N, C-alpha and C. Protein backbone atom coordinates (compact mmCIF):
# COMPACT_ATOMS: atom_id res chain seq x y z
N UNK A 1 27.01 10.37 114.50
CA UNK A 1 26.20 11.45 115.04
C UNK A 1 24.77 11.26 114.57
N UNK A 2 23.83 11.44 115.48
CA UNK A 2 22.41 11.32 115.16
C UNK A 2 21.79 12.70 115.18
N UNK A 3 21.03 13.00 114.14
CA UNK A 3 20.29 14.26 114.12
C UNK A 3 19.03 14.13 113.28
N UNK A 4 18.09 15.03 113.55
CA UNK A 4 16.83 15.03 112.82
C UNK A 4 17.10 15.40 111.37
N UNK A 5 16.42 14.72 110.47
CA UNK A 5 16.58 14.98 109.04
C UNK A 5 15.47 15.91 108.58
N UNK A 6 15.84 16.92 107.83
CA UNK A 6 14.86 17.85 107.24
C UNK A 6 14.26 17.20 106.00
N UNK A 7 13.38 16.22 106.23
CA UNK A 7 12.88 15.39 105.13
C UNK A 7 11.98 16.13 104.15
N UNK A 8 11.54 17.35 104.50
CA UNK A 8 10.72 18.12 103.56
C UNK A 8 11.56 18.71 102.42
N UNK A 9 12.87 18.69 102.58
CA UNK A 9 13.77 19.11 101.50
C UNK A 9 13.96 17.94 100.54
N UNK A 10 13.82 18.20 99.26
CA UNK A 10 13.90 17.14 98.27
C UNK A 10 15.22 16.37 98.34
N UNK A 11 16.33 17.07 98.54
CA UNK A 11 17.63 16.40 98.58
C UNK A 11 17.72 15.46 99.78
N UNK A 12 17.15 15.87 100.92
CA UNK A 12 17.17 15.03 102.11
C UNK A 12 16.23 13.83 101.94
N UNK A 13 15.07 14.07 101.34
CA UNK A 13 14.12 12.98 101.08
C UNK A 13 14.76 11.95 100.15
N UNK A 14 15.53 12.44 99.17
CA UNK A 14 16.21 11.53 98.24
C UNK A 14 17.27 10.70 98.96
N UNK A 15 17.96 11.29 99.93
CA UNK A 15 18.96 10.54 100.71
C UNK A 15 18.29 9.48 101.58
N UNK A 16 17.17 9.84 102.18
CA UNK A 16 16.41 8.86 102.96
C UNK A 16 16.03 7.70 102.05
N UNK A 17 15.49 8.02 100.89
CA UNK A 17 15.07 6.99 99.94
C UNK A 17 16.23 6.08 99.54
N UNK A 18 17.39 6.67 99.34
CA UNK A 18 18.56 5.87 98.95
C UNK A 18 18.88 4.82 100.00
N UNK A 19 18.90 5.24 101.27
CA UNK A 19 19.23 4.30 102.35
C UNK A 19 18.12 3.25 102.48
N UNK A 20 16.87 3.67 102.35
CA UNK A 20 15.77 2.71 102.40
C UNK A 20 15.91 1.67 101.29
N UNK A 21 16.24 2.10 100.09
CA UNK A 21 16.33 1.18 98.95
C UNK A 21 17.42 0.12 99.16
N UNK A 22 18.61 0.54 99.56
CA UNK A 22 19.69 -0.44 99.71
C UNK A 22 19.46 -1.37 100.89
N UNK A 23 18.84 -0.86 101.95
CA UNK A 23 18.58 -1.70 103.12
C UNK A 23 17.41 -2.64 102.88
N UNK A 24 16.31 -2.10 102.35
CA UNK A 24 15.13 -2.94 102.15
C UNK A 24 15.32 -3.98 101.04
N UNK A 25 16.27 -3.77 100.16
CA UNK A 25 16.60 -4.80 99.17
C UNK A 25 17.09 -6.05 99.89
N UNK A 26 17.91 -5.86 100.93
CA UNK A 26 18.42 -6.98 101.73
C UNK A 26 17.28 -7.64 102.49
N UNK A 27 16.40 -6.83 103.10
CA UNK A 27 15.28 -7.42 103.86
C UNK A 27 14.36 -8.21 102.94
N UNK A 28 14.09 -7.70 101.76
CA UNK A 28 13.23 -8.44 100.81
C UNK A 28 13.83 -9.81 100.50
N UNK A 29 15.15 -9.85 100.36
CA UNK A 29 15.82 -11.13 100.12
C UNK A 29 15.68 -12.06 101.33
N UNK A 30 15.86 -11.52 102.53
CA UNK A 30 15.72 -12.31 103.76
C UNK A 30 14.33 -12.92 103.87
N UNK A 31 13.32 -12.15 103.46
CA UNK A 31 11.94 -12.59 103.59
C UNK A 31 11.47 -13.41 102.39
N UNK A 32 12.28 -13.46 101.35
CA UNK A 32 11.89 -14.18 100.14
C UNK A 32 10.74 -13.49 99.42
N UNK A 33 10.64 -12.18 99.56
CA UNK A 33 9.55 -11.42 98.95
C UNK A 33 9.88 -11.05 97.51
N UNK A 34 8.97 -11.39 96.63
CA UNK A 34 9.16 -11.02 95.22
C UNK A 34 8.79 -9.56 94.99
N UNK A 35 7.74 -9.14 95.66
CA UNK A 35 7.30 -7.74 95.59
C UNK A 35 7.27 -7.24 97.03
N UNK A 36 8.07 -6.24 97.35
CA UNK A 36 8.20 -5.77 98.72
C UNK A 36 7.75 -4.30 98.78
N UNK A 37 6.59 -4.02 99.38
CA UNK A 37 6.04 -2.66 99.37
C UNK A 37 6.99 -1.53 99.78
N UNK A 38 7.84 -1.70 100.81
CA UNK A 38 8.73 -0.58 101.15
C UNK A 38 9.66 -0.16 100.00
N UNK A 39 9.98 -1.08 99.09
CA UNK A 39 10.84 -0.73 97.96
C UNK A 39 10.11 0.10 96.91
N UNK A 40 8.79 0.15 97.01
CA UNK A 40 7.99 0.89 96.03
C UNK A 40 7.65 2.30 96.50
N UNK A 41 8.11 2.66 97.68
CA UNK A 41 7.77 3.96 98.27
C UNK A 41 8.45 5.09 97.50
N UNK A 42 7.67 6.05 96.98
CA UNK A 42 8.25 7.15 96.21
C UNK A 42 8.89 8.22 97.11
N UNK A 43 9.84 8.93 96.57
CA UNK A 43 10.54 9.99 97.32
C UNK A 43 9.55 11.01 97.88
N UNK A 44 8.52 11.32 97.13
CA UNK A 44 7.55 12.33 97.58
C UNK A 44 6.89 11.92 98.90
N UNK A 45 6.77 10.62 99.16
CA UNK A 45 6.13 10.19 100.42
C UNK A 45 7.03 10.51 101.62
N UNK A 46 8.33 10.51 101.42
CA UNK A 46 9.23 10.91 102.51
C UNK A 46 9.13 12.43 102.69
N UNK A 47 9.15 13.13 101.58
CA UNK A 47 9.12 14.60 101.60
C UNK A 47 7.86 15.13 102.28
N UNK A 48 6.73 14.49 102.03
CA UNK A 48 5.45 14.96 102.56
C UNK A 48 5.03 14.28 103.86
N UNK A 49 5.83 13.41 104.39
CA UNK A 49 5.48 12.64 105.58
C UNK A 49 5.34 13.52 106.82
N UNK A 50 4.41 13.16 107.67
CA UNK A 50 4.25 13.83 108.96
C UNK A 50 5.09 13.14 110.05
N UNK A 51 5.75 12.04 109.69
CA UNK A 51 6.60 11.32 110.63
C UNK A 51 7.91 12.07 110.86
N UNK A 52 8.59 11.71 111.94
CA UNK A 52 9.93 12.24 112.21
C UNK A 52 10.96 11.27 111.65
N UNK A 53 12.02 11.82 111.08
CA UNK A 53 13.13 11.02 110.56
C UNK A 53 14.40 11.47 111.25
N UNK A 54 15.16 10.51 111.78
CA UNK A 54 16.46 10.80 112.37
C UNK A 54 17.49 9.99 111.61
N UNK A 55 18.61 10.64 111.32
CA UNK A 55 19.66 9.97 110.58
C UNK A 55 20.91 9.78 111.41
N UNK A 56 21.60 8.70 111.13
CA UNK A 56 22.93 8.48 111.69
C UNK A 56 23.90 8.89 110.60
N UNK A 57 24.73 9.86 110.89
CA UNK A 57 25.64 10.44 109.91
C UNK A 57 27.06 9.94 110.12
N UNK A 58 27.70 9.62 109.04
CA UNK A 58 29.12 9.23 109.03
C UNK A 58 29.78 10.07 107.94
N UNK A 59 30.69 10.94 108.34
CA UNK A 59 31.37 11.84 107.38
C UNK A 59 30.36 12.63 106.56
N UNK A 60 29.37 13.22 107.22
CA UNK A 60 28.32 14.04 106.61
C UNK A 60 27.38 13.28 105.67
N UNK A 61 27.44 11.96 105.67
CA UNK A 61 26.54 11.15 104.85
C UNK A 61 25.58 10.38 105.75
N UNK A 62 24.32 10.30 105.34
CA UNK A 62 23.34 9.51 106.08
C UNK A 62 23.60 8.04 105.77
N UNK A 63 23.87 7.26 106.82
CA UNK A 63 24.12 5.83 106.62
C UNK A 63 23.04 4.97 107.27
N UNK A 64 22.15 5.59 108.04
CA UNK A 64 21.05 4.87 108.66
C UNK A 64 19.95 5.87 108.99
N UNK A 65 18.70 5.37 108.99
CA UNK A 65 17.55 6.23 109.25
C UNK A 65 16.55 5.48 110.12
N UNK A 66 15.99 6.20 111.09
CA UNK A 66 14.86 5.67 111.85
C UNK A 66 13.70 6.64 111.64
N UNK A 67 12.55 6.08 111.31
CA UNK A 67 11.34 6.86 111.05
C UNK A 67 10.36 6.60 112.18
N UNK A 68 9.88 7.67 112.82
CA UNK A 68 9.00 7.56 113.97
C UNK A 68 7.63 8.14 113.66
N UNK A 69 6.61 7.36 113.99
CA UNK A 69 5.23 7.76 113.75
C UNK A 69 4.49 7.86 115.09
N UNK A 70 3.84 9.00 115.31
CA UNK A 70 3.03 9.18 116.51
C UNK A 70 1.72 8.45 116.32
N UNK A 71 1.42 7.52 117.23
CA UNK A 71 0.14 6.84 117.23
C UNK A 71 -0.64 7.29 118.44
N UNK A 72 -1.88 6.85 118.56
CA UNK A 72 -2.74 7.34 119.63
C UNK A 72 -2.15 7.10 121.02
N UNK A 73 -1.65 5.91 121.27
CA UNK A 73 -1.15 5.58 122.61
C UNK A 73 0.34 5.30 122.66
N UNK A 74 1.02 5.41 121.53
CA UNK A 74 2.44 5.03 121.51
C UNK A 74 3.18 5.73 120.39
N UNK A 75 4.48 5.54 120.41
CA UNK A 75 5.33 5.92 119.28
C UNK A 75 5.64 4.63 118.53
N UNK A 76 5.53 4.69 117.22
CA UNK A 76 5.77 3.51 116.39
C UNK A 76 7.04 3.71 115.58
N UNK A 77 7.94 2.74 115.66
CA UNK A 77 9.11 2.75 114.80
C UNK A 77 8.63 2.27 113.44
N UNK A 78 8.35 3.22 112.57
CA UNK A 78 7.80 2.92 111.25
C UNK A 78 8.83 2.21 110.38
N UNK A 79 10.07 2.66 110.49
CA UNK A 79 11.15 2.06 109.71
C UNK A 79 12.47 2.27 110.44
N UNK A 80 13.34 1.31 110.29
CA UNK A 80 14.72 1.43 110.77
C UNK A 80 15.58 0.74 109.73
N UNK A 81 16.39 1.54 109.04
CA UNK A 81 17.20 1.01 107.95
C UNK A 81 18.65 1.46 108.10
N UNK A 82 19.54 0.56 107.73
CA UNK A 82 20.97 0.84 107.77
C UNK A 82 21.55 0.44 106.42
N UNK A 83 22.39 1.31 105.88
CA UNK A 83 23.10 0.98 104.64
C UNK A 83 23.90 -0.29 104.89
N UNK A 84 23.78 -1.30 104.01
CA UNK A 84 24.48 -2.58 104.23
C UNK A 84 25.98 -2.44 104.46
N UNK A 85 26.60 -1.40 103.93
CA UNK A 85 28.04 -1.20 104.18
C UNK A 85 28.32 -0.92 105.65
N UNK A 86 27.28 -0.60 106.42
CA UNK A 86 27.43 -0.25 107.83
C UNK A 86 26.72 -1.24 108.75
N UNK A 87 26.34 -2.39 108.22
CA UNK A 87 25.73 -3.43 109.05
C UNK A 87 26.71 -3.87 110.13
N UNK A 88 26.15 -4.33 111.25
CA UNK A 88 26.89 -4.94 112.35
C UNK A 88 27.92 -4.00 112.99
N UNK A 89 27.59 -2.71 113.00
CA UNK A 89 28.45 -1.72 113.65
C UNK A 89 27.76 -1.07 114.84
N UNK A 90 26.58 -1.58 115.20
CA UNK A 90 25.86 -1.04 116.35
C UNK A 90 25.05 0.21 116.07
N UNK A 91 24.93 0.59 114.82
CA UNK A 91 24.23 1.83 114.48
C UNK A 91 22.73 1.72 114.76
N UNK A 92 22.11 0.60 114.42
CA UNK A 92 20.68 0.43 114.68
C UNK A 92 20.40 0.52 116.18
N UNK A 93 21.26 -0.08 116.98
CA UNK A 93 21.11 0.00 118.44
C UNK A 93 21.19 1.44 118.93
N UNK A 94 22.11 2.20 118.37
CA UNK A 94 22.25 3.61 118.77
C UNK A 94 20.99 4.39 118.41
N UNK A 95 20.40 4.11 117.25
CA UNK A 95 19.18 4.81 116.85
C UNK A 95 18.01 4.43 117.74
N UNK A 96 17.88 3.16 118.09
CA UNK A 96 16.79 2.74 118.99
C UNK A 96 16.96 3.40 120.35
N UNK A 97 18.15 3.34 120.90
CA UNK A 97 18.42 3.97 122.19
C UNK A 97 18.08 5.46 122.15
N UNK A 98 18.44 6.10 121.03
CA UNK A 98 18.17 7.53 120.86
C UNK A 98 16.67 7.81 120.93
N UNK A 99 15.86 7.08 120.16
CA UNK A 99 14.42 7.38 120.14
C UNK A 99 13.74 7.00 121.45
N UNK A 100 14.21 5.96 122.11
CA UNK A 100 13.63 5.61 123.40
C UNK A 100 13.84 6.73 124.42
N UNK A 101 14.93 7.47 124.26
CA UNK A 101 15.22 8.60 125.14
C UNK A 101 14.64 9.92 124.63
N UNK A 102 14.41 9.99 123.33
CA UNK A 102 13.95 11.23 122.68
C UNK A 102 12.48 11.53 122.98
N UNK A 103 11.66 10.51 123.01
CA UNK A 103 10.22 10.69 123.15
C UNK A 103 9.77 10.37 124.56
N UNK A 104 8.99 11.28 125.13
CA UNK A 104 8.42 11.06 126.46
C UNK A 104 7.14 10.26 126.29
N UNK A 105 7.33 9.00 126.12
CA UNK A 105 6.21 8.10 125.84
C UNK A 105 6.50 6.79 126.55
N UNK A 106 5.49 6.21 127.15
CA UNK A 106 5.71 4.97 127.89
C UNK A 106 5.60 3.72 127.06
N UNK A 107 5.24 3.88 125.78
CA UNK A 107 5.03 2.70 124.95
C UNK A 107 5.53 2.93 123.53
N UNK A 108 6.27 1.94 123.03
CA UNK A 108 6.76 1.96 121.65
C UNK A 108 6.36 0.67 120.98
N UNK A 109 6.11 0.74 119.68
CA UNK A 109 5.80 -0.46 118.90
C UNK A 109 6.68 -0.48 117.65
N UNK A 110 6.80 -1.67 117.08
CA UNK A 110 7.57 -1.84 115.85
C UNK A 110 7.10 -3.13 115.18
N UNK A 111 7.20 -3.18 113.87
CA UNK A 111 6.90 -4.40 113.13
C UNK A 111 8.06 -4.72 112.19
N UNK A 112 8.23 -6.00 111.93
CA UNK A 112 9.24 -6.45 110.99
C UNK A 112 8.79 -7.79 110.42
N UNK A 113 9.50 -8.25 109.42
CA UNK A 113 9.19 -9.56 108.87
C UNK A 113 9.55 -10.66 109.85
N UNK A 114 8.69 -11.68 109.94
CA UNK A 114 8.95 -12.79 110.86
C UNK A 114 10.30 -13.45 110.59
N UNK A 115 10.71 -13.50 109.33
CA UNK A 115 11.96 -14.16 108.98
C UNK A 115 13.17 -13.23 108.98
N UNK A 116 13.00 -12.02 109.47
CA UNK A 116 14.12 -11.08 109.57
C UNK A 116 14.76 -11.26 110.95
N UNK A 117 15.53 -12.34 111.08
CA UNK A 117 16.14 -12.68 112.37
C UNK A 117 17.01 -11.57 112.95
N UNK A 118 17.84 -10.89 112.17
CA UNK A 118 18.66 -9.83 112.76
C UNK A 118 17.82 -8.71 113.41
N UNK A 119 16.75 -8.30 112.74
CA UNK A 119 15.90 -7.24 113.30
C UNK A 119 15.18 -7.73 114.55
N UNK A 120 14.66 -8.94 114.51
CA UNK A 120 13.95 -9.48 115.67
C UNK A 120 14.87 -9.58 116.88
N UNK A 121 16.08 -10.05 116.68
CA UNK A 121 17.04 -10.15 117.79
C UNK A 121 17.35 -8.77 118.36
N UNK A 122 17.49 -7.79 117.47
CA UNK A 122 17.78 -6.42 117.91
C UNK A 122 16.67 -5.91 118.82
N UNK A 123 15.43 -6.00 118.38
CA UNK A 123 14.32 -5.49 119.19
C UNK A 123 14.17 -6.27 120.50
N UNK A 124 14.33 -7.56 120.44
CA UNK A 124 14.22 -8.38 121.65
C UNK A 124 15.33 -8.04 122.65
N UNK A 125 16.51 -7.72 122.15
CA UNK A 125 17.61 -7.32 123.04
C UNK A 125 17.26 -6.05 123.83
N UNK A 126 16.45 -5.19 123.24
CA UNK A 126 16.03 -3.96 123.91
C UNK A 126 14.82 -4.18 124.82
N UNK A 127 14.28 -5.38 124.84
CA UNK A 127 13.15 -5.67 125.71
C UNK A 127 11.79 -5.57 125.03
N UNK A 128 11.76 -5.41 123.71
CA UNK A 128 10.48 -5.42 123.01
C UNK A 128 9.90 -6.83 123.12
N UNK A 129 8.58 -6.90 123.35
CA UNK A 129 7.88 -8.17 123.52
C UNK A 129 6.99 -8.44 122.30
N UNK A 130 7.05 -9.65 121.79
CA UNK A 130 6.22 -10.06 120.67
C UNK A 130 4.75 -10.07 121.10
N UNK A 131 3.90 -9.35 120.35
CA UNK A 131 2.48 -9.30 120.71
C UNK A 131 1.57 -9.82 119.60
N UNK A 132 2.10 -9.95 118.37
CA UNK A 132 1.21 -10.34 117.28
C UNK A 132 2.02 -10.86 116.11
N UNK A 133 1.49 -11.88 115.44
CA UNK A 133 2.03 -12.38 114.17
C UNK A 133 0.88 -12.39 113.18
N UNK A 134 1.10 -11.89 111.98
CA UNK A 134 0.03 -11.85 110.99
C UNK A 134 0.62 -11.86 109.58
N UNK A 135 -0.23 -12.12 108.61
CA UNK A 135 0.19 -12.10 107.21
C UNK A 135 -0.26 -10.78 106.59
N UNK A 136 0.71 -10.03 106.09
CA UNK A 136 0.45 -8.73 105.49
C UNK A 136 0.32 -8.88 103.97
N UNK A 137 0.21 -7.74 103.30
CA UNK A 137 0.12 -7.77 101.84
C UNK A 137 1.32 -8.49 101.24
N UNK A 138 1.14 -8.99 100.06
CA UNK A 138 2.18 -9.74 99.35
C UNK A 138 2.57 -11.03 100.08
N UNK A 139 1.68 -11.52 100.96
CA UNK A 139 1.90 -12.77 101.70
C UNK A 139 3.17 -12.76 102.54
N UNK A 140 3.51 -11.61 103.08
CA UNK A 140 4.66 -11.47 103.96
C UNK A 140 4.18 -11.64 105.41
N UNK A 141 4.77 -12.61 106.11
CA UNK A 141 4.41 -12.82 107.52
C UNK A 141 5.20 -11.81 108.36
N UNK A 142 4.46 -11.05 109.16
CA UNK A 142 5.06 -10.00 109.97
C UNK A 142 4.83 -10.26 111.45
N UNK A 143 5.67 -9.64 112.25
CA UNK A 143 5.53 -9.69 113.70
C UNK A 143 5.48 -8.26 114.23
N UNK A 144 4.70 -8.09 115.30
CA UNK A 144 4.58 -6.78 115.95
C UNK A 144 5.10 -6.92 117.37
N UNK A 145 5.93 -5.97 117.76
CA UNK A 145 6.50 -5.94 119.10
C UNK A 145 6.05 -4.67 119.83
N UNK A 146 6.06 -4.77 121.16
CA UNK A 146 5.74 -3.62 121.98
C UNK A 146 6.78 -3.51 123.10
N UNK A 147 7.07 -2.26 123.45
CA UNK A 147 8.02 -1.97 124.53
C UNK A 147 7.34 -1.02 125.50
N UNK A 148 7.37 -1.33 126.78
CA UNK A 148 6.82 -0.47 127.84
C UNK A 148 7.95 -0.01 128.74
N UNK A 149 7.90 1.25 129.13
CA UNK A 149 8.83 1.76 130.14
C UNK A 149 8.33 1.36 131.51
């Protein structure tokens, strides 16, 4: 079940952080990053965020989170994380499908690490098109995708 997370509540922000930590630990390994900025994000940043957070719940527990940021001309998938115990179950696809239908917006963007093959394949399967490759902080090579309705 997918539902909006009340991230301004400390307990919910802590749950978001937990899923981010276990998922981004795997991504940092995939990218060979020694210092990975998403792993340094404090709970208070989730609690105070102006972004929308939607969770995929399994037995009343959040097992995946998608974070959506309103940009000037598009909606940006700021983060999409799945607890590794729930990898390869189609949950990320369900969250992407959900947000594509949730927002009345003709354009979506997302970024991920260039070497994160599972994430890149996922976005490409939905029709996201590669528009940019660049080197971000900590010498992490990233890719930016765009999706148009």
